[in-house]
Protein backbone atom coordinates (compact mmCIF):
# COMPACT_ATOMS: atom_id res chain seq x y z
CA MET A 1 87.37 108.72 90.49
CA ARG A 2 91.04 108.50 89.48
CA ARG A 3 93.96 107.77 91.78
CA ARG A 4 97.70 108.37 91.64
CA HIS A 5 100.43 108.30 94.23
CA PRO A 6 102.98 110.87 93.01
CA LEU A 7 106.55 109.59 92.94
CA SER A 8 109.79 111.56 92.76
CA PHE A 9 111.44 108.60 91.00
CA GLY A 10 110.48 106.20 88.24
CA ALA A 11 108.37 107.22 85.24
CA GLU A 12 105.72 109.87 85.95
CA VAL A 13 103.29 110.66 83.13
CA LEU A 14 102.79 114.38 82.53
CA ASP A 15 100.39 116.31 80.32
CA GLY A 16 100.89 116.38 76.56
CA GLY A 17 102.33 112.89 76.12
CA ASN A 18 105.54 113.62 78.05
CA THR A 19 106.93 111.54 80.88
CA ARG A 20 109.48 112.48 83.54
CA PHE A 21 112.06 109.73 84.17
CA THR A 22 114.12 109.76 87.38
CA LEU A 23 116.74 107.27 88.58
CA TRP A 24 118.98 107.32 91.64
CA ALA A 25 122.32 105.99 90.36
CA PRO A 26 125.01 107.43 92.65
CA VAL A 27 127.93 105.36 91.29
CA ALA A 28 127.06 105.83 87.59
CA ASP A 29 129.10 108.21 85.47
CA GLY A 30 126.31 108.42 82.91
CA VAL A 31 122.79 107.08 82.33
CA GLU A 32 120.91 106.89 79.04
CA LEU A 33 117.19 106.43 78.61
CA LEU A 34 116.35 103.82 76.00
CA ILE A 35 112.75 104.04 74.79
CA GLU A 36 111.82 101.36 72.27
CA GLY A 37 111.50 102.89 68.80
CA GLN A 38 113.38 106.06 69.76
CA GLU A 39 116.99 107.18 69.81
CA PRO A 40 118.80 106.92 73.18
CA GLU A 41 118.74 110.11 75.26
CA ARG A 42 121.32 111.07 77.83
CA MET A 43 119.86 111.84 81.27
CA LYS A 44 121.02 114.81 83.38
CA ARG A 45 122.82 114.18 86.62
CA GLY A 46 121.52 116.11 89.63
CA GLU A 47 122.29 116.22 93.33
CA GLU A 48 123.14 112.98 95.17
CA GLY A 49 123.46 111.08 91.90
CA VAL A 50 119.83 111.47 90.84
CA PHE A 51 119.49 111.35 87.04
CA HIS A 52 116.42 112.83 85.36
CA LEU A 53 114.95 113.53 81.94
CA THR A 54 111.56 114.67 80.65
CA THR A 55 110.75 113.52 77.14
CA GLU A 56 107.94 112.32 74.88
CA ALA A 57 106.84 108.88 76.06
CA PRO A 58 103.11 108.19 76.15
CA PRO A 59 101.61 105.45 78.34
CA GLY A 60 102.50 102.05 76.96
CA SER A 61 106.03 103.09 75.98
CA ARG A 62 108.63 100.51 76.93
CA TYR A 63 111.99 101.67 78.23
CA ARG A 64 115.22 100.77 80.00
CA TYR A 65 118.18 102.62 81.46
CA ARG A 66 121.71 102.07 80.13
CA ILE A 67 124.39 102.51 82.79
CA ASN A 68 127.81 103.88 81.75
CA GLY A 69 127.10 102.97 78.14
CA GLU A 70 127.06 99.26 79.02
CA GLU A 71 124.51 97.39 81.09
CA GLU A 72 120.81 97.87 80.37
CA VAL A 73 118.52 97.65 83.38
CA PRO A 74 114.80 97.99 84.13
CA ASP A 75 113.41 100.85 86.20
CA PRO A 76 113.58 99.92 89.93
CA ALA A 77 110.30 101.84 90.34
CA SER A 78 108.68 100.27 87.28
CA ARG A 79 104.90 100.18 87.53
CA TYR A 80 104.73 97.25 85.09
CA GLN A 81 107.13 94.67 83.62
CA PRO A 82 105.35 92.93 80.72
CA GLY A 83 108.52 90.98 79.85
CA ASP A 84 109.50 89.93 83.40
CA VAL A 85 112.35 91.22 85.57
CA HIS A 86 115.01 91.28 82.86
CA GLY A 87 112.83 92.96 80.25
CA PRO A 88 111.91 96.58 79.62
CA SER A 89 109.67 98.56 81.93
CA GLN A 90 106.42 100.07 80.67
CA VAL A 91 105.13 103.59 81.21
CA VAL A 92 101.80 103.44 83.08
CA ASP A 93 99.35 106.28 83.61
CA PRO A 94 97.60 105.34 86.87
CA GLU A 95 94.90 107.93 86.25
CA ALA A 96 93.74 106.10 83.14
CA PHE A 97 91.87 103.70 85.42
CA GLU A 98 88.51 104.96 86.64
CA TRP A 99 87.55 103.75 90.10
CA ARG A 100 83.94 103.19 91.12
CA ASP A 101 84.54 102.71 94.86
CA GLY A 102 84.82 106.34 95.91
CA ASP A 103 82.61 105.80 98.96
CA TRP A 104 84.75 102.97 100.31
CA ARG A 105 86.46 103.85 103.61
CA GLY A 106 87.49 100.36 104.63
CA ARG A 107 86.31 98.51 107.70
CA PRO A 108 87.25 98.75 111.39
CA TRP A 109 89.94 96.33 112.48
CA GLU A 110 87.71 94.45 114.90
CA GLU A 111 85.56 93.32 111.95
CA THR A 112 88.52 91.67 110.27
CA VAL A 113 88.56 87.99 109.34
CA LEU A 114 91.57 87.48 107.07
CA TYR A 115 91.90 84.99 104.22
CA GLU A 116 95.46 84.53 102.95
CA LEU A 117 95.81 83.48 99.32
CA HIS A 118 98.43 83.08 96.64
CA VAL A 119 97.11 84.57 93.41
CA GLY A 120 98.88 82.06 91.17
CA SER A 121 97.47 78.96 92.88
CA PHE A 122 94.17 80.20 94.32
CA SER A 123 92.19 79.77 91.10
CA PRO A 124 92.63 77.54 88.04
CA GLU A 125 93.54 80.62 86.00
CA GLY A 126 96.15 81.80 88.50
CA THR A 127 95.40 85.43 87.74
CA PHE A 128 93.87 88.54 89.30
CA ALA A 129 90.79 87.93 87.16
CA GLY A 130 90.56 84.32 88.36
CA ALA A 131 90.73 85.44 91.99
CA ARG A 132 88.01 88.01 91.33
CA GLU A 133 85.65 85.23 90.23
CA LYS A 134 86.01 83.53 93.64
CA LEU A 135 85.13 86.54 95.81
CA ASP A 136 81.50 85.48 96.28
CA HIS A 137 82.74 82.26 97.86
CA LEU A 138 84.68 84.30 100.41
CA VAL A 139 81.71 86.54 101.18
CA ASP A 140 79.49 83.48 101.72
CA LEU A 141 82.16 81.96 103.94
CA GLY A 142 82.14 84.97 106.26
CA VAL A 143 85.62 86.40 105.79
CA THR A 144 85.92 90.18 105.53
CA ALA A 145 89.43 90.66 104.16
CA VAL A 146 91.56 89.09 101.44
CA GLU A 147 95.31 89.00 102.10
CA LEU A 148 97.38 88.60 98.93
CA MET A 149 100.82 87.06 99.15
CA PRO A 150 103.50 89.37 97.66
CA LEU A 151 102.93 90.65 94.13
CA ALA A 152 106.22 92.49 93.48
CA ASP A 153 107.58 91.36 90.12
CA PHE A 154 109.60 88.18 90.55
CA PRO A 155 111.67 86.13 88.06
CA GLY A 156 109.86 83.49 86.04
CA ARG A 157 106.23 82.41 85.89
CA ARG A 158 105.68 81.16 89.43
CA ASN A 159 106.97 82.12 92.85
CA TRP A 160 105.69 82.51 96.40
CA GLY A 161 106.41 86.22 95.96
CA TYR A 162 109.19 86.66 98.51
CA ASP A 163 111.82 86.76 95.74
CA GLY A 164 110.46 89.97 94.25
CA VAL A 165 112.92 92.55 92.91
CA LEU A 166 110.68 95.29 91.50
CA PRO A 167 108.33 96.21 94.35
CA TYR A 168 106.22 98.74 92.42
CA ALA A 169 105.28 96.34 89.61
CA PRO A 170 102.56 93.72 90.21
CA ASP A 171 103.85 90.54 88.60
CA SER A 172 102.82 90.28 84.97
CA SER A 173 102.10 86.54 85.22
CA TYR A 174 99.00 87.48 87.22
CA GLY A 175 97.79 90.20 84.86
CA THR A 176 98.12 93.93 84.32
CA PRO A 177 98.00 96.74 86.89
CA GLU A 178 94.45 97.39 85.73
CA ASP A 179 93.54 93.75 86.41
CA LEU A 180 94.75 94.11 89.99
CA LYS A 181 92.75 97.31 90.40
CA GLU A 182 89.65 95.53 89.13
CA LEU A 183 90.20 92.82 91.76
CA VAL A 184 90.52 95.40 94.54
CA GLN A 185 87.48 97.29 93.30
CA ALA A 186 85.36 94.14 93.04
CA ALA A 187 86.36 93.18 96.58
CA HIS A 188 85.33 96.58 97.90
CA GLU A 189 81.98 96.36 96.11
CA LYS A 190 81.36 93.12 98.02
CA GLY A 191 82.42 94.60 101.36
CA LEU A 192 85.82 92.88 101.42
CA MET A 193 89.02 94.63 102.43
CA VAL A 194 92.22 93.83 100.54
CA PHE A 195 95.57 93.43 102.31
CA LEU A 196 98.91 93.02 100.58
CA ASP A 197 102.01 91.25 101.87
CA VAL A 198 105.08 93.45 101.26
CA VAL A 199 108.76 92.55 101.63
CA TYR A 200 111.13 95.30 102.77
CA ASN A 201 113.86 93.17 104.36
CA HIS A 202 115.58 91.88 101.20
CA PHE A 203 115.42 91.55 97.41
CA GLY A 204 115.34 88.26 95.51
CA PRO A 205 118.48 86.64 94.09
CA GLU A 206 117.62 87.06 90.40
CA GLY A 207 116.83 90.29 88.56
CA ASN A 208 118.08 92.72 91.21
CA TYR A 209 120.22 95.25 89.33
CA LEU A 210 120.53 97.81 92.14
CA ASN A 211 124.18 96.96 92.84
CA VAL A 212 125.07 98.01 89.29
CA TYR A 213 124.28 101.68 89.90
CA ALA A 214 123.22 102.08 93.56
CA PRO A 215 125.18 99.70 95.82
CA GLN A 216 124.37 102.09 98.69
CA PHE A 217 120.98 100.42 98.71
CA PHE A 218 122.61 97.71 100.82
CA THR A 219 124.91 97.69 103.81
CA GLY A 220 127.41 95.25 105.26
CA ARG A 221 126.91 96.78 108.73
CA HIS A 222 123.92 94.49 109.21
CA THR A 223 123.35 91.01 107.85
CA THR A 224 120.19 89.03 107.20
CA PRO A 225 119.49 85.39 106.25
CA TRP A 226 119.57 86.64 102.64
CA GLY A 227 122.91 88.48 102.88
CA ALA A 228 123.65 92.19 103.26
CA ALA A 229 120.78 94.15 104.78
CA VAL A 230 118.80 96.90 103.10
CA ASN A 231 120.45 100.19 104.10
CA PHE A 232 118.06 102.19 106.28
CA ASP A 233 120.62 104.01 108.42
CA GLY A 234 123.88 104.57 106.53
CA GLU A 235 125.14 106.80 103.73
CA GLY A 236 122.47 107.19 101.07
CA SER A 237 119.78 105.76 103.33
CA ARG A 238 117.38 108.68 102.85
CA GLN A 239 116.87 107.62 99.23
CA VAL A 240 116.36 104.01 100.33
CA ARG A 241 113.88 104.95 103.05
CA GLU A 242 111.87 107.07 100.61
CA TYR A 243 111.81 104.22 98.11
CA VAL A 244 110.38 101.83 100.71
CA ILE A 245 107.99 104.22 102.47
CA HIS A 246 106.59 105.49 99.18
CA ASN A 247 106.07 101.89 98.13
CA ALA A 248 103.78 101.39 101.12
CA LEU A 249 101.93 104.63 100.36
CA TYR A 250 101.74 103.72 96.66
CA TRP A 251 99.87 100.47 97.29
CA ILE A 252 97.51 102.14 99.74
CA GLU A 253 96.76 105.19 97.60
CA GLU A 254 97.18 104.16 93.97
CA TYR A 255 95.71 100.67 94.37
CA HIS A 256 93.32 101.54 97.24
CA ILE A 257 94.74 98.70 99.33
CA ASP A 258 93.27 98.57 102.86
CA GLY A 259 96.23 97.18 104.72
CA LEU A 260 99.76 95.85 104.48
CA ARG A 261 101.41 92.87 106.12
CA LEU A 262 105.14 93.61 106.50
CA ASP A 263 107.23 90.47 106.14
CA ALA A 264 109.86 89.50 108.74
CA VAL A 265 110.50 92.94 110.22
CA HIS A 266 112.97 91.40 112.68
CA ALA A 267 115.34 91.43 109.66
CA ILE A 268 114.88 95.18 109.08
CA TYR A 269 117.78 96.88 110.84
CA ASP A 270 117.96 100.59 111.57
CA ASP A 271 120.13 102.37 114.15
CA SER A 272 119.03 105.88 113.19
CA GLY A 273 117.03 108.23 115.40
CA GLU A 274 113.67 107.15 113.99
CA HIS A 275 113.40 103.53 112.94
CA VAL A 276 112.14 103.18 109.39
CA LEU A 277 109.20 101.12 110.67
CA ALA A 278 108.16 103.98 112.95
CA GLU A 279 108.51 106.49 110.12
CA LEU A 280 106.49 104.29 107.77
CA ALA A 281 103.67 103.92 110.29
CA ARG A 282 103.69 107.65 111.01
CA ARG A 283 103.49 108.64 107.35
CA VAL A 284 100.71 106.18 106.62
CA GLN A 285 98.80 107.41 109.66
CA ASP A 286 99.31 111.08 108.73
CA GLY A 287 98.52 110.41 105.05
CA PRO A 288 95.86 108.01 103.78
CA GLY A 289 95.12 106.84 107.31
CA ARG A 290 93.52 110.19 108.15
CA ASP A 291 90.55 109.63 105.86
CA ARG A 292 89.89 105.88 105.98
CA HIS A 293 90.70 102.67 107.78
CA VAL A 294 94.24 101.56 106.91
CA HIS A 295 95.72 98.65 108.86
CA LEU A 296 99.43 97.80 109.19
CA VAL A 297 100.27 94.27 110.36
CA LEU A 298 103.69 92.89 111.24
CA GLU A 299 105.39 89.54 111.04
CA ASN A 300 108.05 89.71 113.74
CA ASP A 301 109.82 86.66 115.11
CA ALA A 302 111.34 88.81 117.87
CA ASN A 303 107.89 89.46 119.43
CA ASN A 304 108.57 93.18 119.92
CA ALA A 305 105.27 94.13 121.52
CA SER A 306 106.41 97.78 121.65
CA TYR A 307 105.53 98.16 117.95
CA LEU A 308 101.89 97.54 118.89
CA ARG A 309 101.48 100.34 121.43
CA GLY A 310 102.00 104.11 121.47
CA GLU A 311 101.92 106.53 118.55
CA PRO A 312 102.46 105.74 115.80
CA SER A 313 101.86 102.03 116.26
CA TYR A 314 101.07 99.01 114.16
CA THR A 315 97.59 97.54 114.19
CA ALA A 316 98.54 93.94 114.95
CA GLN A 317 101.13 91.20 114.57
CA TRP A 318 100.92 87.69 113.15
CA ASP A 319 101.12 85.54 116.27
CA ASP A 320 103.41 82.64 115.37
CA ASP A 321 103.39 81.60 119.02
CA VAL A 322 99.70 80.77 118.93
CA HIS A 323 100.15 78.76 115.74
CA HIS A 324 103.07 76.80 117.18
CA ALA A 325 101.14 76.08 120.38
CA PHE A 326 98.10 74.90 118.42
CA HIS A 327 100.29 72.76 116.17
CA ALA A 328 102.21 71.13 119.01
CA THR A 329 98.91 70.49 120.81
CA VAL A 330 97.11 68.73 117.97
CA THR A 331 100.05 66.95 116.27
CA GLY A 332 102.40 66.20 119.15
CA GLU A 333 105.36 67.40 117.06
CA GLY A 334 108.37 68.73 118.95
CA ALA A 335 111.13 69.17 116.34
CA GLY A 336 112.58 72.50 115.21
CA TYR A 337 110.86 75.52 116.67
CA TYR A 338 108.08 73.32 118.04
CA ALA A 339 110.59 72.31 120.73
CA ASP A 340 109.72 75.57 122.49
CA TYR A 341 106.10 74.43 122.89
CA ALA A 342 106.21 70.64 123.13
CA ASP A 343 106.79 70.49 126.89
CA ALA A 344 103.52 72.29 127.75
CA PRO A 345 101.59 73.03 124.56
CA VAL A 346 98.18 73.66 126.16
CA GLN A 347 99.67 75.96 128.80
CA LYS A 348 101.45 77.99 126.12
CA LEU A 349 98.28 78.07 124.03
CA GLY A 350 96.39 79.44 127.02
CA ARG A 351 98.97 82.15 127.54
CA CYS A 352 98.74 83.15 123.87
CA LEU A 353 94.96 83.35 123.99
CA ALA A 354 94.97 85.44 127.18
CA GLU A 355 98.17 87.49 126.80
CA GLY A 356 99.21 87.52 123.14
CA PHE A 357 102.67 85.95 123.10
CA ALA A 358 103.80 82.71 124.72
CA TYR A 359 107.35 84.10 124.81
CA GLN A 360 107.51 87.50 126.49
CA GLY A 361 111.19 87.53 127.39
CA GLU A 362 111.69 83.90 128.39
CA PRO A 363 114.65 81.86 127.09
CA SER A 364 114.01 79.82 123.96
CA LEU A 365 115.21 76.23 123.83
CA HIS A 366 115.17 76.33 120.02
CA ARG A 367 117.40 79.42 120.11
CA GLU A 368 119.85 77.83 122.57
CA GLY A 369 118.65 79.85 125.54
CA GLU A 370 118.35 83.22 123.86
CA LYS A 371 115.60 85.32 125.40
CA ARG A 372 112.74 86.13 123.08
CA GLY A 373 109.88 88.60 123.17
CA GLU A 374 108.52 91.47 125.24
CA PRO A 375 105.59 91.64 127.70
CA SER A 376 102.29 91.71 125.80
CA ALA A 377 99.54 90.99 128.34
CA ASP A 378 98.49 94.66 128.50
CA LEU A 379 97.59 94.70 124.79
CA PRO A 380 94.04 94.02 123.61
CA PRO A 381 93.50 90.60 122.00
CA THR A 382 92.83 92.26 118.65
CA SER A 383 96.53 93.21 118.52
CA PHE A 384 97.23 89.63 117.45
CA VAL A 385 96.41 87.67 114.30
CA SER A 386 95.68 84.03 115.08
CA PHE A 387 95.84 81.05 112.69
CA ILE A 388 96.37 77.32 112.47
CA GLN A 389 97.78 77.44 108.92
CA ASN A 390 99.51 79.95 106.66
CA HIS A 391 101.83 79.84 103.67
CA ASP A 392 104.95 79.60 105.88
CA GLN A 393 103.77 76.98 108.30
CA VAL A 394 102.52 74.74 105.50
CA GLY A 395 105.04 75.49 102.79
CA ASN A 396 108.15 75.39 104.93
CA ARG A 397 107.54 71.71 105.62
CA ALA A 398 109.46 69.44 103.27
CA PHE A 399 106.33 68.28 101.44
CA GLY A 400 104.07 71.26 102.12
CA ASP A 401 101.75 69.24 104.37
CA ARG A 402 98.57 70.85 105.65
CA ILE A 403 97.50 70.33 109.24
CA SER A 404 94.49 68.32 108.02
CA THR A 405 96.93 65.56 106.97
CA LEU A 406 98.99 65.69 110.16
CA ALA A 407 96.41 65.57 112.95
CA PRO A 408 93.11 63.80 113.64
CA PHE A 409 89.99 65.45 112.27
CA GLU A 410 88.60 65.96 115.80
CA ALA A 411 91.77 67.75 116.90
CA VAL A 412 91.81 70.14 113.94
CA ARG A 413 88.10 70.80 114.37
CA ALA A 414 88.71 71.76 117.99
CA ALA A 415 91.57 74.08 117.07
CA ALA A 416 89.42 75.78 114.43
CA ALA A 417 86.56 76.23 116.89
CA ILE A 418 88.93 78.00 119.27
CA TYR A 419 90.77 80.36 116.95
CA LEU A 420 87.75 81.35 114.85
CA LEU A 421 85.75 82.47 117.90
CA ALA A 422 88.50 83.85 120.15
CA PRO A 423 88.82 87.66 120.35
CA GLN A 424 92.09 87.64 118.40
CA VAL A 425 91.74 88.43 114.68
CA PRO A 426 91.55 85.09 112.81
CA MET A 427 93.26 84.31 109.52
CA LEU A 428 92.45 81.36 107.26
CA PHE A 429 94.80 79.96 104.63
CA MET A 430 93.21 79.29 101.24
CA GLY A 431 91.40 75.95 101.07
CA GLU A 432 91.47 75.50 104.83
CA GLU A 433 87.74 76.22 105.00
CA TRP A 434 86.89 72.95 103.26
CA GLY A 435 89.65 70.91 104.89
CA SER A 436 91.81 70.83 101.78
CA GLU A 437 94.50 68.17 101.95
CA GLN A 438 96.42 69.53 98.97
CA PRO A 439 100.02 70.40 99.80
CA PHE A 440 101.40 73.90 99.43
CA PRO A 441 105.09 73.22 98.74
CA PHE A 442 107.74 75.85 98.12
CA PHE A 443 107.95 76.66 94.39
CA CYS A 444 109.86 79.08 92.15
CA ASP A 445 111.04 79.50 88.57
CA PHE A 446 114.63 80.78 88.55
CA GLU A 447 117.03 80.89 85.62
CA GLU A 448 118.74 77.62 84.76
CA ASP A 449 122.04 78.46 86.54
CA LEU A 450 120.32 79.34 89.82
CA ALA A 451 117.51 76.77 89.81
CA PRO A 452 119.61 73.66 90.68
CA LEU A 453 121.30 75.55 93.52
CA VAL A 454 117.90 76.40 95.00
CA THR A 455 116.80 72.78 94.69
CA GLN A 456 119.97 71.56 96.37
CA GLY A 457 119.69 74.17 99.12
CA ARG A 458 116.07 73.28 99.77
CA ARG A 459 116.93 69.62 100.29
CA GLU A 460 119.96 70.40 102.44
CA GLU A 461 117.72 72.47 104.76
CA PHE A 462 116.17 69.24 105.98
CA ALA A 463 119.35 67.18 106.28
CA SER A 464 119.49 67.71 110.07
CA PHE A 465 116.02 66.17 110.55
CA PRO A 466 116.24 62.45 111.40
CA GLU A 467 113.58 61.51 108.87
CA PHE A 468 115.66 63.10 106.08
CA SER A 469 119.11 61.91 107.11
CA ASP A 470 119.15 59.50 104.15
CA PRO A 471 120.11 61.30 100.89
CA GLU A 472 117.66 59.12 98.96
CA THR A 473 114.83 60.29 101.20
CA ARG A 474 115.83 63.93 100.64
CA GLU A 475 115.61 63.35 96.91
CA ARG A 476 111.86 62.80 97.37
CA ILE A 477 111.41 66.39 98.54
CA PRO A 478 109.66 68.19 95.66
CA ASP A 479 111.93 70.16 93.34
CA PRO A 480 110.96 73.85 93.86
CA GLY A 481 111.73 74.64 90.23
CA ALA A 482 109.58 71.91 88.71
CA GLU A 483 106.23 72.99 87.31
CA GLU A 484 104.54 69.92 88.80
CA THR A 485 105.54 71.17 92.29
CA PHE A 486 103.59 74.35 91.63
CA ARG A 487 100.67 72.38 90.15
CA MET A 488 100.29 70.45 93.40
CA ALA A 489 99.49 73.74 95.14
CA VAL A 490 96.72 74.89 92.78
CA LEU A 491 93.42 74.59 94.67
CA ASP A 492 90.94 72.01 93.41
CA TRP A 493 87.60 73.81 93.46
CA ASP A 494 85.75 70.52 92.93
CA ASP A 495 86.67 69.49 96.48
CA PRO A 496 83.99 71.54 98.30
CA ALA A 497 81.26 69.57 96.51
CA GLU A 498 82.39 66.30 98.12
CA LEU A 499 80.50 65.34 101.25
CA GLY A 500 83.39 65.42 103.72
CA HIS A 501 84.72 68.73 102.44
CA ARG A 502 81.21 70.19 102.27
CA ARG A 503 80.58 69.40 105.94
CA TRP A 504 83.91 70.99 106.88
CA LEU A 505 82.95 74.10 104.88
CA GLU A 506 79.57 74.26 106.64
CA HIS A 507 81.39 74.03 109.98
CA TYR A 508 83.58 77.03 109.13
CA ARG A 509 80.60 79.03 107.87
CA GLU A 510 78.71 78.36 111.10
CA LEU A 511 81.66 79.40 113.27
CA LEU A 512 82.15 82.60 111.31
CA ARG A 513 78.41 83.34 111.47
CA ILE A 514 78.58 83.08 115.26
CA ARG A 515 81.65 85.33 115.28
CA GLN A 516 79.96 87.95 113.13
CA THR A 517 76.74 88.10 115.14
CA GLU A 518 77.94 87.50 118.71
CA ILE A 519 81.64 88.29 119.00
CA THR A 520 82.59 91.01 116.50
CA PRO A 521 80.13 93.68 117.73
CA ARG A 522 81.59 93.29 121.24
CA LEU A 523 85.23 93.69 120.20
CA VAL A 524 85.03 97.50 119.93
CA ASN A 525 87.25 98.94 122.67
CA ILE A 526 88.06 95.50 124.07
CA PRO A 527 90.54 96.08 126.89
CA GLY A 528 93.94 94.55 127.34
CA GLY A 529 95.14 93.03 130.57
CA GLU A 530 91.73 91.65 131.57
CA ALA A 531 91.89 88.11 130.17
CA ALA A 532 92.83 85.04 132.17
CA TYR A 533 93.40 81.34 131.66
CA ARG A 534 94.04 78.23 133.70
CA LEU A 535 94.73 74.59 132.98
CA VAL A 536 92.41 71.74 133.86
CA GLY A 537 94.74 68.79 134.17
CA ASP A 538 97.41 68.69 131.48
CA ARG A 539 95.15 68.93 128.44
CA GLY A 540 92.19 71.00 129.60
CA LEU A 541 91.93 74.76 129.19
CA ARG A 542 89.63 77.44 130.53
CA ALA A 543 90.08 80.98 129.21
CA GLN A 544 88.02 84.10 129.81
CA TRP A 545 87.90 87.57 128.30
CA THR A 546 86.12 90.79 129.21
CA LEU A 547 84.80 92.22 125.94
CA GLY A 548 84.39 95.84 124.93
CA ASP A 549 80.78 96.10 126.14
CA GLY A 550 81.53 94.45 129.47
CA SER A 551 80.32 91.02 128.38
CA LEU A 552 82.21 87.94 129.54
CA LEU A 553 83.37 85.37 126.96
CA THR A 554 84.46 81.97 128.27
CA LEU A 555 86.17 79.04 126.56
CA LEU A 556 86.29 75.48 127.85
CA ALA A 557 88.39 73.02 125.87
CA ASN A 558 89.58 69.46 126.29
CA LEU A 559 92.56 69.18 123.97
CA GLY A 560 93.27 65.53 124.50
CA GLU A 561 91.82 62.21 123.38
CA GLU A 562 90.34 61.10 126.71
CA PRO A 563 87.31 62.58 128.51
CA LEU A 564 88.28 65.16 131.13
CA ALA A 565 86.44 66.24 134.27
CA GLY A 566 87.11 69.19 136.56
CA PHE A 567 85.59 72.06 134.59
CA GLU A 568 83.56 74.33 136.87
CA ASP A 569 80.24 75.97 136.01
CA VAL A 570 80.42 78.80 133.50
CA PRO A 571 78.28 81.93 133.63
CA GLY A 572 76.39 82.82 130.49
CA THR A 573 74.61 81.33 127.53
CA PRO A 574 76.16 78.62 125.33
CA LEU A 575 77.36 79.97 121.97
CA TYR A 576 78.88 76.84 120.48
CA ALA A 577 79.82 73.33 121.52
CA THR A 578 81.20 70.30 119.73
CA GLU A 579 79.16 67.11 119.79
CA GLY A 580 78.82 65.35 123.11
CA VAL A 581 79.50 68.33 125.39
CA PRO A 582 76.94 68.16 128.25
CA GLU A 583 74.84 71.25 128.95
CA GLU A 584 76.52 71.97 132.28
CA GLY A 585 79.98 71.43 130.69
CA ARG A 586 81.73 70.00 133.80
CA GLU A 587 83.15 66.97 131.96
CA LEU A 588 84.20 67.28 128.34
CA PRO A 589 84.73 64.49 125.79
CA GLY A 590 88.07 64.20 124.04
CA TRP A 591 88.92 67.00 121.59
CA SER A 592 85.90 69.11 122.49
CA VAL A 593 85.27 72.83 122.77
CA ALA A 594 82.50 74.90 124.36
CA TRP A 595 81.99 78.67 124.25
CA TYR A 596 79.77 80.74 126.57
CA LEU A 597 78.76 84.41 126.60
CA ARG A 598 77.40 86.42 129.53
CA THR A 599 76.15 89.71 128.14
CA GLY A 600 76.18 93.07 129.88
CA GLY A 601 78.54 94.61 132.42
């Protein structure tokens, strides 16, 4: 089987060794196509500033565009950049790759257990091929879906991926497009879905040439933390919308990706009649989503629950609230955005578990009283992705500290036992399953003029924190541009063989085995609005869910150091309990968790 997502821009291979080149360059007077080894050819200008040319250029040909006889730029829809973001683009024939997973239709959402990884630091090789070699570990662990941090071509050899500038080209430092397809195919052969993190709210600061020939790609009518917003609603926005929506369809169809995680959609602004997010969801649903399971997941700091209901809707949202509540509960931290949870962390955790968001329109202390969120209690629990670590929550700390280095073992174990068995969709961050204590600091590899500014900016971010008020202390924050900062993040695969890490890994495997056998089959058609929670003292929690088959799932948790009484009898059979929990469960030891299931209606 061969796959291609047809594009009306970029380089499209035709029969007979010819390729059609198309570039939207509305402010350019002239555009030339420069194919290595051939004479420059002038492209024809069409409507709305779209330049096009069909000429001989077999797959493997390297090319650039020359704007107004001066600046040479890569193709913004390049499928491959072998020489990085400033180099030439390469013609790729997507149908040259033969797929063997024609029977794959994905997996239902309720079966999802996500595993977020960064390709460059997940394996010693830091490549698509290196990640492929670790898939058996993930299958044995019990996850069902791999989530790749962004792959769009970024400047340099290492980057988190959120500074990408060529969203159609998987970064060449990880391998070729064919290498990525082999990774996806191998995952499917092992029953694993593959999700991809995509960034449609901004472009990185280096290697973005769009302003040279298409400044309409951006608008000053809206602003983001990265500057001018991507233009989804002004003059020229139809071209921009098509570029972004086709990118989503391209990954799903040409690379057979099973789902997308859309980064920070609260920074995607659109005042038109149909928001670009709604159009994207509709076109995915009406396209590849008709024939197989395709899941769209949001990251949205604004907690707009409306994106998760109606038609078209998004499958789920990363639930930062539940992470923050877990974190404040087990670490006691209350700085920054944790201030919104520190006053009653267990109560807010209970609300997240039962209703989705902790903030459903309430004022936020961290945001100086600004109201945040929309009501979410009517949504099924599977509308929310739950986690105790991810790249942001680890890497945005000054030293990239993991929760395993910030909280007692018993506290983290309790948090894991809750989120891995709760009806929300769980997501692990790479290495979490063996209790990795390796940091995951922010790293990048910008050009020498930009790199020191990024380093300075990174350290100034923390100047308002009391522990970093001293300039000498801030100098200890790892330099994002230094290779050794990246090296700290590369997983050590010898760790799981050590006794402590091995026991932690066995713990995760057991929890995910229980989830797979007892919880997942009962999540089909799980209703919203039928969960409840209550506190037992200040640190005790009881939560209960009605599952899709009418079964009743109950959680008892003591999220404090001291033993806690006051838990009433629970109907059902014990599923899991930490050490020392008595059979009747009325008094729980410190940092303990017990789960119960009553089957039937």
